Amino acid sequence: MTAPQPASEYLTACGHEIHYMHWSSDQSDPIVMWHGLARTGRDFDPCARRFADRFRIVAPDTIGRGLSGWASAPEAEYRLEHYAEVAVEMLDRLGIERMRWVGTSMGGAIGMMLAAGPLKGRITHLVLNDIGPALAPAAINRIRSYVTQPPVFDTVLELETYLRTIYAPYGAISDEQWRQMAETSTRRRDDGKLTVHYDPAVMRVFAETTGDFEMWDAWDAIEAKTLVLRGETSDLLTQDTAEEMTRRGPKASLAVIPGCGHAPALNVPDQLDLLDRFLTS
């Protein structure tokens, strides 16, 4: 059989043009895969490829990232609550009623908010990749340090070297995957220099609104079957927080991923096998 191939598609949700990768766009069960703060939906290509012969995969670029449109009102629109509103309208437009959700970092926070509220009862399986209802302050400071000062490069190879450094905690990533990350994470400025893909205002607003990520009340309202993945050396999701997530709310299952920090790339057989067992249970 020919391996399923993704389609690059666009729609409008909450007034924004949203880009998403769409795998197996038939009536098979949907999995929504939502990326982290400074990333794009293309991060999920290896993961989506694993499931695309059995599931319909939707992997969006959040507004302000990748090929999606930028906000006209950043202070209001680059917030978790608005991302959740965009997600609901997008899924409704795609005719997706019930789904599994795989969210890395910020994408997991959006999933928590939705599973506790607007999509409660519609998200059946929730995977949180190195994110919880509380963020460690040290990690917030680290993220602020690199996302609030967009770097500038002369070449794509320089950008790739930068990405290899800041995303080293993702774990084992092949040279081909690093190159794809570089090519899907860059934009050229008016002066011909290269910088990262995202709207700088995304990160400025994040730095001012980290309190949005304190979500224990939402956690306690979640009823979906939930799996928490924690990178073994993660500085964002502490072991104490992860263990507390197994005792309250949906009483999640917890898996610690060796050889990773924040956040596992979900691209190697052991990680994909773990997801497979959970998503097909």
Protein backbone atom coordinates (compact mmCIF):
# COMPACT_ATOMS: atom_id res chain seq x y z
CA MET A 1 0.00 0.00 0.00
CA THR A 2 1.11 3.58 -0.68
CA ALA A 3 1.83 5.43 2.53
CA PRO A 4 -0.71 8.19 3.23
CA GLN A 5 0.53 11.63 2.25
CA PRO A 6 -0.49 14.90 3.90
CA ALA A 7 -2.31 17.76 2.23
CA SER A 8 -1.42 21.36 3.08
CA GLU A 9 -4.74 23.13 3.60
CA TYR A 10 -6.22 26.42 4.83
CA LEU A 11 -9.45 27.64 6.37
CA THR A 12 -10.70 30.70 8.22
CA ALA A 13 -11.52 30.50 11.93
CA CYS A 14 -12.33 33.48 14.18
CA GLY A 15 -11.27 35.74 11.34
CA HIS A 16 -7.79 34.18 10.98
CA GLU A 17 -6.40 32.20 8.07
CA ILE A 18 -5.29 28.90 9.61
CA HIS A 19 -2.85 26.56 7.90
CA TYR A 20 -2.95 22.88 8.78
CA MET A 21 -1.55 19.59 7.58
CA HIS A 22 -4.35 17.13 6.87
CA TRP A 23 -3.64 13.40 6.71
CA SER A 24 -6.20 10.81 5.61
CA SER A 25 -9.04 13.30 5.24
CA ASP A 26 -11.81 10.72 5.20
CA GLN A 27 -14.26 9.69 7.87
CA SER A 28 -11.79 7.75 10.02
CA ASP A 29 -11.48 8.74 13.69
CA PRO A 30 -9.73 12.12 14.05
CA ILE A 31 -6.60 12.91 16.01
CA VAL A 32 -5.81 16.60 16.52
CA MET A 33 -2.09 17.24 17.00
CA TRP A 34 -1.27 20.69 18.37
CA HIS A 35 2.28 22.01 18.65
CA GLY A 36 4.19 23.98 21.26
CA LEU A 37 4.68 27.68 21.88
CA ALA A 38 7.29 28.55 19.24
CA ARG A 39 6.75 25.62 16.87
CA THR A 40 4.51 24.57 13.97
CA GLY A 41 2.26 21.66 13.09
CA ARG A 42 5.01 20.22 10.89
CA ASP A 43 6.72 18.96 14.05
CA PHE A 44 4.14 16.18 14.05
CA ASP A 45 5.00 14.80 10.60
CA PRO A 46 6.74 11.66 11.97
CA CYS A 47 3.97 11.07 14.49
CA ALA A 48 1.17 11.67 11.98
CA ARG A 49 2.81 9.32 9.50
CA ARG A 50 2.57 6.53 12.08
CA PHE A 51 -1.21 6.93 12.48
CA ALA A 52 -2.39 8.23 9.11
CA ASP A 53 -3.35 4.81 7.76
CA ARG A 54 -5.88 4.41 10.59
CA PHE A 55 -6.84 7.94 11.68
CA ARG A 56 -7.67 11.32 10.20
CA ILE A 57 -4.90 13.65 11.37
CA VAL A 58 -5.22 17.43 11.67
CA ALA A 59 -2.06 19.32 12.66
CA PRO A 60 -2.56 23.12 12.62
CA ASP A 61 -0.18 26.04 12.86
CA THR A 62 -1.42 28.25 15.68
CA ILE A 63 -2.08 31.86 14.68
CA GLY A 64 1.16 33.81 14.55
CA ARG A 65 3.18 30.72 13.64
CA GLY A 66 4.14 28.85 10.51
CA LEU A 67 1.86 29.64 7.60
CA SER A 68 -1.12 30.79 9.66
CA GLY A 69 -2.07 34.46 9.79
CA TRP A 70 -0.82 36.89 12.41
CA ALA A 71 -3.06 38.56 14.98
CA SER A 72 -4.42 42.04 14.46
CA ALA A 73 -4.88 42.44 18.23
CA PRO A 74 -1.94 40.52 19.75
CA GLU A 75 -2.69 41.24 23.42
CA ALA A 76 -6.13 39.63 23.10
CA GLU A 77 -5.50 37.03 20.41
CA TYR A 78 -2.16 35.50 21.45
CA ARG A 79 -3.73 33.98 24.55
CA LEU A 80 -4.72 30.41 25.41
CA GLU A 81 -8.41 31.33 25.56
CA HIS A 82 -8.37 32.67 22.01
CA TYR A 83 -6.35 29.75 20.70
CA ALA A 84 -9.06 27.51 22.16
CA GLU A 85 -11.78 29.54 20.42
CA VAL A 86 -9.93 29.20 17.11
CA ALA A 87 -9.59 25.45 17.65
CA VAL A 88 -13.31 24.98 18.32
CA GLU A 89 -14.35 26.95 15.22
CA MET A 90 -11.77 25.16 13.10
CA LEU A 91 -12.92 21.71 14.22
CA ASP A 92 -16.55 22.63 13.69
CA ARG A 93 -15.76 23.80 10.16
CA LEU A 94 -14.02 20.49 9.51
CA GLY A 95 -17.05 18.58 10.80
CA ILE A 96 -15.06 16.94 13.60
CA GLU A 97 -17.36 16.10 16.50
CA ARG A 98 -15.33 13.65 18.60
CA MET A 99 -11.57 13.39 18.59
CA ARG A 100 -8.36 12.35 20.27
CA TRP A 101 -6.01 15.21 21.15
CA VAL A 102 -2.20 15.10 21.24
CA GLY A 103 -0.71 18.35 22.49
CA THR A 104 2.94 19.25 23.01
CA SER A 105 3.60 21.93 25.62
CA MET A 106 1.29 24.86 24.73
CA GLY A 107 -0.74 22.51 22.52
CA GLY A 108 -1.37 20.39 25.60
CA ALA A 109 -2.45 23.44 27.60
CA ILE A 110 -4.97 24.25 24.85
CA GLY A 111 -6.13 20.64 25.03
CA MET A 112 -6.61 20.85 28.81
CA MET A 113 -8.66 24.02 28.48
CA LEU A 114 -10.85 22.46 25.79
CA ALA A 115 -11.27 19.09 27.48
CA ALA A 116 -12.41 20.87 30.64
CA GLY A 117 -14.81 23.22 28.84
CA PRO A 118 -15.83 23.79 25.21
CA LEU A 119 -14.90 20.29 24.02
CA LYS A 120 -15.75 18.38 27.19
CA GLY A 121 -17.26 15.10 26.06
CA ARG A 122 -15.85 15.57 22.54
CA ILE A 123 -12.20 14.88 23.39
CA THR A 124 -12.13 11.18 24.24
CA HIS A 125 -8.36 10.71 24.66
CA LEU A 126 -6.00 13.48 25.78
CA VAL A 127 -2.21 13.23 25.48
CA LEU A 128 -0.22 15.94 27.23
CA ASN A 129 3.37 16.00 26.06
CA ASP A 130 5.48 17.55 28.82
CA ILE A 131 2.90 20.01 30.08
CA GLY A 132 0.75 20.20 33.17
CA PRO A 133 -1.53 22.59 35.07
CA ALA A 134 1.51 24.34 36.61
CA LEU A 135 4.74 25.47 34.95
CA ALA A 136 8.11 25.50 36.70
CA PRO A 137 9.40 29.11 37.03
CA ALA A 138 12.92 28.18 35.89
CA ALA A 139 11.56 26.84 32.60
CA ILE A 140 9.43 29.94 32.04
CA ASN A 141 12.54 32.09 32.41
CA ARG A 142 14.46 29.86 30.00
CA ILE A 143 11.72 30.04 27.38
CA ARG A 144 11.45 33.80 27.76
CA SER A 145 15.18 34.12 27.18
CA TYR A 146 15.07 32.66 23.69
CA VAL A 147 11.60 33.43 22.40
CA THR A 148 11.35 37.10 23.30
CA GLN A 149 14.52 37.99 21.35
CA PRO A 150 14.05 36.70 17.77
CA PRO A 151 17.47 35.73 16.41
CA VAL A 152 18.76 36.83 13.01
CA PHE A 153 20.81 34.70 10.60
CA ASP A 154 22.53 35.04 7.25
CA THR A 155 21.84 31.45 6.15
CA VAL A 156 19.41 28.60 6.71
CA LEU A 157 22.32 26.47 7.92
CA GLU A 158 23.00 28.99 10.69
CA LEU A 159 19.33 28.81 11.68
CA GLU A 160 19.48 25.01 11.70
CA THR A 161 22.49 25.10 14.03
CA TYR A 162 20.57 27.40 16.36
CA LEU A 163 17.55 25.09 16.37
CA ARG A 164 19.74 22.07 17.09
CA THR A 165 21.02 23.90 20.16
CA ILE A 166 17.81 25.20 21.69
CA TYR A 167 15.79 22.07 20.90
CA ALA A 168 18.43 19.54 21.91
CA PRO A 169 16.13 18.42 24.79
CA TYR A 170 13.68 17.04 22.17
CA GLY A 171 15.83 13.90 22.07
CA ALA A 172 16.93 11.87 19.06
CA ILE A 173 16.21 13.83 15.87
CA SER A 174 17.66 12.80 12.53
CA ASP A 175 19.60 15.13 10.25
CA GLU A 176 16.68 15.02 7.82
CA GLN A 177 14.26 16.05 10.56
CA TRP A 178 16.53 18.90 11.68
CA ARG A 179 16.68 20.16 8.11
CA GLN A 180 12.89 20.03 7.78
CA MET A 181 12.53 21.89 11.08
CA ALA A 182 14.84 24.61 9.78
CA GLU A 183 13.04 24.91 6.47
CA THR A 184 9.61 25.10 8.13
CA SER A 185 10.78 27.46 10.90
CA THR A 186 12.21 30.36 8.92
CA ARG A 187 11.08 33.54 7.23
CA ARG A 188 13.11 36.11 5.36
CA ARG A 189 13.02 39.72 6.52
CA ASP A 190 12.86 42.78 4.30
CA ASP A 191 16.64 43.19 4.62
CA GLY A 192 17.22 39.68 3.28
CA LYS A 193 18.28 38.23 6.64
CA LEU A 194 16.57 35.17 8.08
CA THR A 195 14.73 34.85 11.34
CA VAL A 196 12.35 32.41 13.00
CA HIS A 197 8.85 31.96 11.63
CA TYR A 198 6.71 33.32 14.46
CA ASP A 199 5.32 36.80 15.07
CA PRO A 200 7.55 38.35 17.78
CA ALA A 201 4.40 39.60 19.52
CA VAL A 202 3.46 35.98 20.32
CA MET A 203 6.38 35.72 22.69
CA ARG A 204 5.99 39.19 24.15
CA VAL A 205 2.40 38.38 25.11
CA PHE A 206 3.44 34.98 26.48
CA ALA A 207 6.04 36.64 28.70
CA GLU A 208 3.31 38.89 30.11
CA THR A 209 0.63 36.21 30.57
CA THR A 210 2.28 33.08 31.94
CA GLY A 211 -0.42 33.02 34.62
CA ASP A 212 -2.79 31.76 31.89
CA PHE A 213 -1.00 28.40 32.17
CA GLU A 214 -1.99 27.85 35.83
CA MET A 215 -4.86 25.45 35.20
CA TRP A 216 -5.53 23.19 38.18
CA ASP A 217 -9.24 24.07 38.16
CA ALA A 218 -9.44 23.04 34.53
CA TRP A 219 -7.47 19.89 35.29
CA ASP A 220 -9.95 18.85 37.94
CA ALA A 221 -12.83 19.23 35.47
CA ILE A 222 -11.34 16.95 32.79
CA GLU A 223 -13.06 13.61 32.24
CA ALA A 224 -11.24 12.41 29.11
CA LYS A 225 -8.92 9.44 29.31
CA THR A 226 -5.55 11.13 29.80
CA LEU A 227 -1.89 10.25 29.30
CA VAL A 228 0.90 12.52 30.52
CA LEU A 229 4.35 12.24 28.98
CA ARG A 230 7.23 13.78 30.90
CA GLY A 231 10.70 14.20 29.50
CA GLU A 232 13.10 12.63 31.97
CA THR A 233 15.06 15.87 32.43
CA SER A 234 12.21 18.30 31.78
CA ASP A 235 12.50 21.64 33.51
CA LEU A 236 8.92 22.62 32.62
CA LEU A 237 6.88 19.72 34.00
CA THR A 238 8.31 18.71 37.35
CA GLN A 239 8.05 15.16 38.63
CA ASP A 240 5.98 16.40 41.60
CA THR A 241 3.44 18.09 39.31
CA ALA A 242 3.30 15.05 37.03
CA GLU A 243 2.63 12.74 39.97
CA GLU A 244 -0.08 15.07 41.30
CA MET A 245 -1.76 14.79 37.89
CA THR A 246 -2.12 11.04 38.47
CA ARG A 247 -3.95 11.61 41.76
CA ARG A 248 -6.57 14.20 40.85
CA GLY A 249 -8.77 15.33 37.98
CA PRO A 250 -8.76 12.62 35.28
CA LYS A 251 -6.08 10.71 37.25
CA ALA A 252 -3.83 10.47 34.25
CA SER A 253 -1.46 7.70 33.37
CA LEU A 254 2.14 8.91 33.49
CA ALA A 255 5.07 7.86 31.31
CA VAL A 256 8.57 9.28 31.77
CA ILE A 257 10.48 9.44 28.48
CA PRO A 258 14.22 8.72 28.86
CA GLY A 259 16.81 10.77 27.04
CA CYS A 260 14.55 13.83 26.67
CA GLY A 261 13.87 17.10 28.39
CA HIS A 262 11.22 19.56 27.25
CA ALA A 263 9.67 18.15 25.15
CA PRO A 264 9.91 14.66 23.61
CA ALA A 265 9.74 14.91 19.81
CA LEU A 266 7.29 11.98 19.44
CA ASN A 267 9.30 10.71 16.51
CA VAL A 268 10.98 7.45 17.58
CA PRO A 269 9.50 3.93 17.84
CA ASP A 270 9.36 3.69 21.64
CA GLN A 271 7.46 6.97 21.95
CA LEU A 272 5.17 6.18 19.03
CA ASP A 273 4.43 2.69 20.39
CA LEU A 274 3.41 4.28 23.69
CA LEU A 275 1.06 6.68 21.90
CA ASP A 276 -0.31 3.85 19.77
CA ARG A 277 -1.27 1.76 22.78
CA PHE A 278 -3.01 4.69 24.42
CA LEU A 279 -4.79 6.13 21.39
CA THR A 280 -6.14 2.75 20.33
CA SER A 281 -7.29 1.76 23.82
